[in-house]
Amino acid sequence: MLIAVASKDGRDINQHFGHAERFLIYEVEQGIVKLVDEKKVERYCSFDPEHPLRSHVLKEIAEALQGCRAVATAQIGEHPRGELENLGIEPFIVTGPIKTTLVELAKIL
């Protein structure tokens, strides 16, 4: 299964969903975690008085994460969380080393 990760350093899950300008895409199968892609996205959190919920940006992020079963992030707001769930991408608020954390997440997915 594919899981997207918000990470500042590529080692740990340590970034807020809305601050991510890229998502690392990992394939997790039978306890093996392998980086398979990197999706660059527009940052969701930025002030836009005409579009305060930035639905257009969230839609673009969701399209970039298409095929992912879940997204692992240090934090996520209620609006993007709900929208991702509606699109079939399960958000998880977690921190820690990417590989060991994704192995544990895969057990409950």
N, C-alpha and C. Protein backbone atom coordinates (compact mmCIF):
# COMPACT_ATOMS: atom_id res chain seq x y z
N MET A 1 0.84 -1.18 0.00
CA MET A 1 0.00 0.00 0.00
C MET A 1 0.88 1.23 0.00
N LEU A 2 0.34 2.32 -0.52
CA LEU A 2 1.08 3.59 -0.56
C LEU A 2 0.63 4.50 0.57
N ILE A 3 1.61 5.11 1.23
CA ILE A 3 1.35 6.06 2.31
C ILE A 3 2.19 7.31 2.05
N ALA A 4 1.54 8.47 2.08
CA ALA A 4 2.23 9.75 1.91
C ALA A 4 2.70 10.25 3.28
N VAL A 5 3.84 10.92 3.28
CA VAL A 5 4.44 11.41 4.52
C VAL A 5 4.82 12.88 4.38
N ALA A 6 4.50 13.66 5.42
CA ALA A 6 4.96 15.05 5.49
C ALA A 6 6.21 15.07 6.37
N SER A 7 7.35 15.40 5.76
CA SER A 7 8.62 15.36 6.47
C SER A 7 9.50 16.52 6.05
N LYS A 8 10.12 17.16 7.03
CA LYS A 8 11.06 18.25 6.73
C LYS A 8 12.41 17.71 6.30
N ASP A 9 12.78 16.54 6.82
CA ASP A 9 14.15 16.06 6.63
C ASP A 9 14.27 14.71 5.91
N GLY A 10 13.15 14.07 5.60
CA GLY A 10 13.20 12.78 4.92
C GLY A 10 13.53 11.60 5.82
N ARG A 11 13.69 11.85 7.11
CA ARG A 11 13.97 10.79 8.08
C ARG A 11 12.80 10.56 9.04
N ASP A 12 12.19 11.68 9.46
CA ASP A 12 11.11 11.62 10.45
C ASP A 12 9.83 12.23 9.92
N ILE A 13 8.71 11.76 10.46
CA ILE A 13 7.42 12.40 10.21
C ILE A 13 7.38 13.56 11.20
N ASN A 14 7.54 14.78 10.69
CA ASN A 14 7.72 15.92 11.58
C ASN A 14 7.22 17.23 10.99
N GLN A 15 6.29 17.17 10.05
CA GLN A 15 5.82 18.39 9.42
C GLN A 15 4.31 18.47 9.42
N HIS A 16 3.80 19.67 9.63
CA HIS A 16 2.36 19.96 9.57
C HIS A 16 1.90 19.80 8.12
N PHE A 17 0.76 19.18 7.93
CA PHE A 17 0.20 18.97 6.58
C PHE A 17 0.19 20.27 5.78
N GLY A 18 -0.30 21.34 6.39
CA GLY A 18 -0.46 22.61 5.68
C GLY A 18 0.84 23.32 5.35
N HIS A 19 1.95 22.91 5.96
CA HIS A 19 3.24 23.54 5.70
C HIS A 19 4.06 22.76 4.67
N ALA A 20 3.60 21.58 4.33
CA ALA A 20 4.36 20.73 3.41
C ALA A 20 4.33 21.28 1.98
N GLU A 21 5.50 21.31 1.38
CA GLU A 21 5.61 21.68 -0.03
C GLU A 21 5.97 20.46 -0.87
N ARG A 22 6.04 19.32 -0.18
CA ARG A 22 6.26 18.03 -0.85
C ARG A 22 5.76 16.93 0.08
N PHE A 23 5.37 15.84 -0.52
CA PHE A 23 5.01 14.64 0.24
C PHE A 23 5.85 13.50 -0.30
N LEU A 24 6.43 12.75 0.61
CA LEU A 24 7.19 11.57 0.24
C LEU A 24 6.21 10.40 0.18
N ILE A 25 6.26 9.63 -0.88
CA ILE A 25 5.34 8.51 -1.06
C ILE A 25 6.10 7.21 -0.84
N TYR A 26 5.63 6.44 0.13
CA TYR A 26 6.27 5.17 0.47
C TYR A 26 5.34 4.01 0.15
N GLU A 27 5.93 2.94 -0.32
CA GLU A 27 5.21 1.67 -0.47
C GLU A 27 5.55 0.84 0.76
N VAL A 28 4.50 0.33 1.40
CA VAL A 28 4.70 -0.48 2.61
C VAL A 28 4.05 -1.83 2.35
N GLU A 29 4.87 -2.87 2.33
CA GLU A 29 4.40 -4.23 2.08
C GLU A 29 5.15 -5.20 2.97
N GLN A 30 4.43 -5.97 3.75
CA GLN A 30 5.00 -7.03 4.59
C GLN A 30 6.20 -6.55 5.41
N GLY A 31 6.05 -5.39 6.03
CA GLY A 31 7.08 -4.86 6.90
C GLY A 31 8.25 -4.18 6.20
N ILE A 32 8.18 -4.09 4.88
CA ILE A 32 9.24 -3.43 4.12
C ILE A 32 8.73 -2.07 3.65
N VAL A 33 9.51 -1.03 3.92
CA VAL A 33 9.14 0.35 3.58
C VAL A 33 10.11 0.87 2.53
N LYS A 34 9.57 1.31 1.40
CA LYS A 34 10.42 1.75 0.30
C LYS A 34 9.90 3.08 -0.25
N LEU A 35 10.79 4.09 -0.34
CA LEU A 35 10.43 5.36 -0.95
C LEU A 35 10.26 5.15 -2.45
N VAL A 36 9.08 5.53 -2.98
CA VAL A 36 8.83 5.29 -4.40
C VAL A 36 8.57 6.58 -5.20
N ASP A 37 8.29 7.70 -4.49
CA ASP A 37 7.98 8.92 -5.22
C ASP A 37 8.05 10.12 -4.29
N GLU A 38 8.12 11.28 -4.87
CA GLU A 38 8.04 12.54 -4.15
C GLU A 38 7.13 13.45 -4.94
N LYS A 39 6.10 13.98 -4.28
CA LYS A 39 5.14 14.85 -4.95
C LYS A 39 5.29 16.26 -4.41
N LYS A 40 5.68 17.18 -5.28
CA LYS A 40 5.77 18.58 -4.89
C LYS A 40 4.38 19.19 -5.03
N VAL A 41 4.00 19.99 -4.02
CA VAL A 41 2.67 20.59 -3.98
C VAL A 41 2.77 22.05 -3.54
N GLU A 42 1.72 22.79 -3.80
CA GLU A 42 1.63 24.15 -3.27
C GLU A 42 1.29 24.05 -1.79
N ARG A 43 1.91 24.85 -0.99
CA ARG A 43 1.68 24.86 0.45
C ARG A 43 0.22 25.23 0.74
N TYR A 44 -0.48 24.40 1.52
CA TYR A 44 -1.89 24.63 1.82
C TYR A 44 -2.08 25.84 2.74
N CYS A 45 -1.27 25.98 3.76
CA CYS A 45 -1.42 27.07 4.73
C CYS A 45 -0.71 28.32 4.25
N SER A 46 -1.46 29.26 3.77
CA SER A 46 -0.96 30.59 3.48
C SER A 46 -2.18 31.49 3.37
N PHE A 47 -2.03 32.71 3.76
CA PHE A 47 -3.17 33.62 3.83
C PHE A 47 -3.67 33.98 2.45
N ASP A 48 -4.96 33.77 2.24
CA ASP A 48 -5.62 34.14 0.99
C ASP A 48 -7.02 34.61 1.36
N PRO A 49 -7.24 35.92 1.48
CA PRO A 49 -8.53 36.43 1.94
C PRO A 49 -9.70 36.06 1.04
N GLU A 50 -9.43 35.83 -0.24
CA GLU A 50 -10.52 35.47 -1.15
C GLU A 50 -10.87 33.99 -1.08
N HIS A 51 -9.94 33.16 -0.61
CA HIS A 51 -10.16 31.72 -0.52
C HIS A 51 -9.61 31.23 0.82
N PRO A 52 -10.26 31.55 1.94
CA PRO A 52 -9.68 31.22 3.25
C PRO A 52 -9.49 29.72 3.49
N LEU A 53 -10.31 28.86 2.92
CA LEU A 53 -10.16 27.42 3.12
C LEU A 53 -9.31 26.78 2.03
N ARG A 54 -8.97 27.55 1.01
CA ARG A 54 -8.07 27.12 -0.06
C ARG A 54 -8.43 25.75 -0.63
N SER A 55 -9.71 25.57 -0.90
CA SER A 55 -10.19 24.28 -1.41
C SER A 55 -9.51 23.89 -2.71
N HIS A 56 -9.19 24.86 -3.55
CA HIS A 56 -8.53 24.55 -4.82
C HIS A 56 -7.14 23.95 -4.59
N VAL A 57 -6.43 24.44 -3.58
CA VAL A 57 -5.10 23.90 -3.27
C VAL A 57 -5.24 22.51 -2.67
N LEU A 58 -6.21 22.35 -1.79
CA LEU A 58 -6.44 21.04 -1.17
C LEU A 58 -6.79 20.00 -2.23
N LYS A 59 -7.57 20.40 -3.21
CA LYS A 59 -7.93 19.47 -4.30
C LYS A 59 -6.68 19.06 -5.08
N GLU A 60 -5.78 20.01 -5.34
CA GLU A 60 -4.55 19.70 -6.06
C GLU A 60 -3.65 18.76 -5.25
N ILE A 61 -3.59 18.97 -3.93
CA ILE A 61 -2.80 18.09 -3.07
C ILE A 61 -3.39 16.68 -3.09
N ALA A 62 -4.72 16.60 -2.97
CA ALA A 62 -5.39 15.29 -2.99
C ALA A 62 -5.13 14.57 -4.31
N GLU A 63 -5.12 15.31 -5.42
CA GLU A 63 -4.84 14.70 -6.71
C GLU A 63 -3.39 14.18 -6.76
N ALA A 64 -2.47 14.93 -6.16
CA ALA A 64 -1.06 14.50 -6.12
C ALA A 64 -0.91 13.23 -5.29
N LEU A 65 -1.77 13.07 -4.27
CA LEU A 65 -1.68 11.91 -3.38
C LEU A 65 -2.59 10.76 -3.82
N GLN A 66 -3.18 10.89 -4.99
CA GLN A 66 -4.07 9.85 -5.50
C GLN A 66 -3.36 8.51 -5.51
N GLY A 67 -4.05 7.50 -5.03
CA GLY A 67 -3.48 6.16 -4.95
C GLY A 67 -2.93 5.85 -3.57
N CYS A 68 -2.75 6.88 -2.75
CA CYS A 68 -2.28 6.67 -1.38
C CYS A 68 -3.44 6.27 -0.49
N ARG A 69 -3.20 5.31 0.36
CA ARG A 69 -4.22 4.85 1.32
C ARG A 69 -4.33 5.80 2.50
N ALA A 70 -3.19 6.46 2.83
CA ALA A 70 -3.16 7.32 4.01
C ALA A 70 -2.10 8.40 3.83
N VAL A 71 -2.16 9.40 4.72
CA VAL A 71 -1.12 10.41 4.81
C VAL A 71 -0.74 10.53 6.28
N ALA A 72 0.56 10.51 6.55
CA ALA A 72 1.08 10.63 7.91
C ALA A 72 1.72 12.00 8.06
N THR A 73 1.26 12.74 9.06
CA THR A 73 1.69 14.12 9.26
C THR A 73 1.72 14.45 10.74
N ALA A 74 2.55 15.41 11.12
CA ALA A 74 2.67 15.79 12.53
C ALA A 74 1.42 16.50 13.03
N GLN A 75 0.75 17.25 12.15
CA GLN A 75 -0.49 17.94 12.49
C GLN A 75 -1.29 18.16 11.22
N ILE A 76 -2.60 18.30 11.40
CA ILE A 76 -3.47 18.62 10.27
C ILE A 76 -4.72 19.30 10.81
N GLY A 77 -5.19 20.33 10.12
CA GLY A 77 -6.39 21.04 10.52
C GLY A 77 -7.65 20.23 10.23
N GLU A 78 -8.74 20.65 10.85
CA GLU A 78 -10.01 19.94 10.69
C GLU A 78 -10.52 19.95 9.26
N HIS A 79 -10.44 21.10 8.58
CA HIS A 79 -10.96 21.17 7.21
C HIS A 79 -10.20 20.24 6.26
N PRO A 80 -8.87 20.32 6.19
CA PRO A 80 -8.18 19.40 5.28
C PRO A 80 -8.34 17.94 5.69
N ARG A 81 -8.42 17.69 6.99
CA ARG A 81 -8.62 16.32 7.47
C ARG A 81 -9.93 15.75 6.93
N GLY A 82 -11.00 16.51 7.07
CA GLY A 82 -12.30 16.07 6.58
C GLY A 82 -12.33 15.88 5.08
N GLU A 83 -11.71 16.80 4.36
CA GLU A 83 -11.70 16.69 2.90
C GLU A 83 -10.91 15.47 2.44
N LEU A 84 -9.77 15.20 3.06
CA LEU A 84 -9.00 14.01 2.69
C LEU A 84 -9.79 12.74 2.96
N GLU A 85 -10.47 12.70 4.11
CA GLU A 85 -11.28 11.53 4.44
C GLU A 85 -12.37 11.33 3.40
N ASN A 86 -13.00 12.43 2.96
CA ASN A 86 -14.04 12.34 1.93
C ASN A 86 -13.49 11.80 0.62
N LEU A 87 -12.21 12.02 0.37
CA LEU A 87 -11.57 11.55 -0.86
C LEU A 87 -10.96 10.16 -0.71
N GLY A 88 -11.13 9.56 0.46
CA GLY A 88 -10.64 8.20 0.67
C GLY A 88 -9.20 8.10 1.12
N ILE A 89 -8.61 9.22 1.55
CA ILE A 89 -7.24 9.22 2.06
C ILE A 89 -7.32 9.42 3.57
N GLU A 90 -6.86 8.44 4.31
CA GLU A 90 -6.98 8.48 5.77
C GLU A 90 -5.80 9.25 6.38
N PRO A 91 -6.08 10.38 7.06
CA PRO A 91 -5.00 11.14 7.68
C PRO A 91 -4.65 10.59 9.07
N PHE A 92 -3.36 10.52 9.36
CA PHE A 92 -2.88 10.08 10.67
C PHE A 92 -1.97 11.16 11.23
N ILE A 93 -2.21 11.54 12.46
CA ILE A 93 -1.33 12.49 13.15
C ILE A 93 -0.36 11.66 13.97
N VAL A 94 0.89 11.63 13.51
CA VAL A 94 1.94 10.84 14.16
C VAL A 94 3.27 11.57 13.99
N THR A 95 4.20 11.23 14.83
CA THR A 95 5.57 11.71 14.68
C THR A 95 6.50 10.53 14.92
N GLY A 96 7.72 10.65 14.43
CA GLY A 96 8.69 9.60 14.66
C GLY A 96 9.39 9.22 13.38
N PRO A 97 10.31 8.26 13.47
CA PRO A 97 11.05 7.80 12.29
C PRO A 97 10.09 7.26 11.23
N ILE A 98 10.29 7.65 9.99
CA ILE A 98 9.37 7.28 8.92
C ILE A 98 9.19 5.77 8.82
N LYS A 99 10.27 5.05 8.65
CA LYS A 99 10.15 3.62 8.35
C LYS A 99 9.47 2.83 9.46
N THR A 100 9.90 3.01 10.70
CA THR A 100 9.28 2.23 11.79
C THR A 100 7.83 2.66 12.02
N THR A 101 7.56 3.95 11.87
CA THR A 101 6.19 4.43 12.06
C THR A 101 5.26 3.89 10.98
N LEU A 102 5.72 3.85 9.74
CA LEU A 102 4.87 3.35 8.65
C LEU A 102 4.62 1.85 8.78
N VAL A 103 5.57 1.10 9.27
CA VAL A 103 5.36 -0.33 9.50
C VAL A 103 4.21 -0.50 10.52
N GLU A 104 4.21 0.30 11.55
CA GLU A 104 3.16 0.22 12.58
C GLU A 104 1.82 0.68 12.01
N LEU A 105 1.81 1.76 11.24
CA LEU A 105 0.56 2.24 10.63
C LEU A 105 -0.04 1.19 9.70
N ALA A 106 0.81 0.55 8.93
CA ALA A 106 0.33 -0.46 7.98
C ALA A 106 -0.42 -1.60 8.69
N LYS A 107 -0.05 -1.87 9.92
CA LYS A 107 -0.72 -2.94 10.67
C LYS A 107 -2.18 -2.63 10.96
N ILE A 108 -2.52 -1.33 11.04
CA ILE A 108 -3.91 -0.99 11.35
C ILE A 108 -4.71 -0.56 10.12
N LEU A 109 -4.04 -0.48 8.99
CA LEU A 109 -4.76 -0.09 7.77
C LEU A 109 -5.35 -1.30 7.11
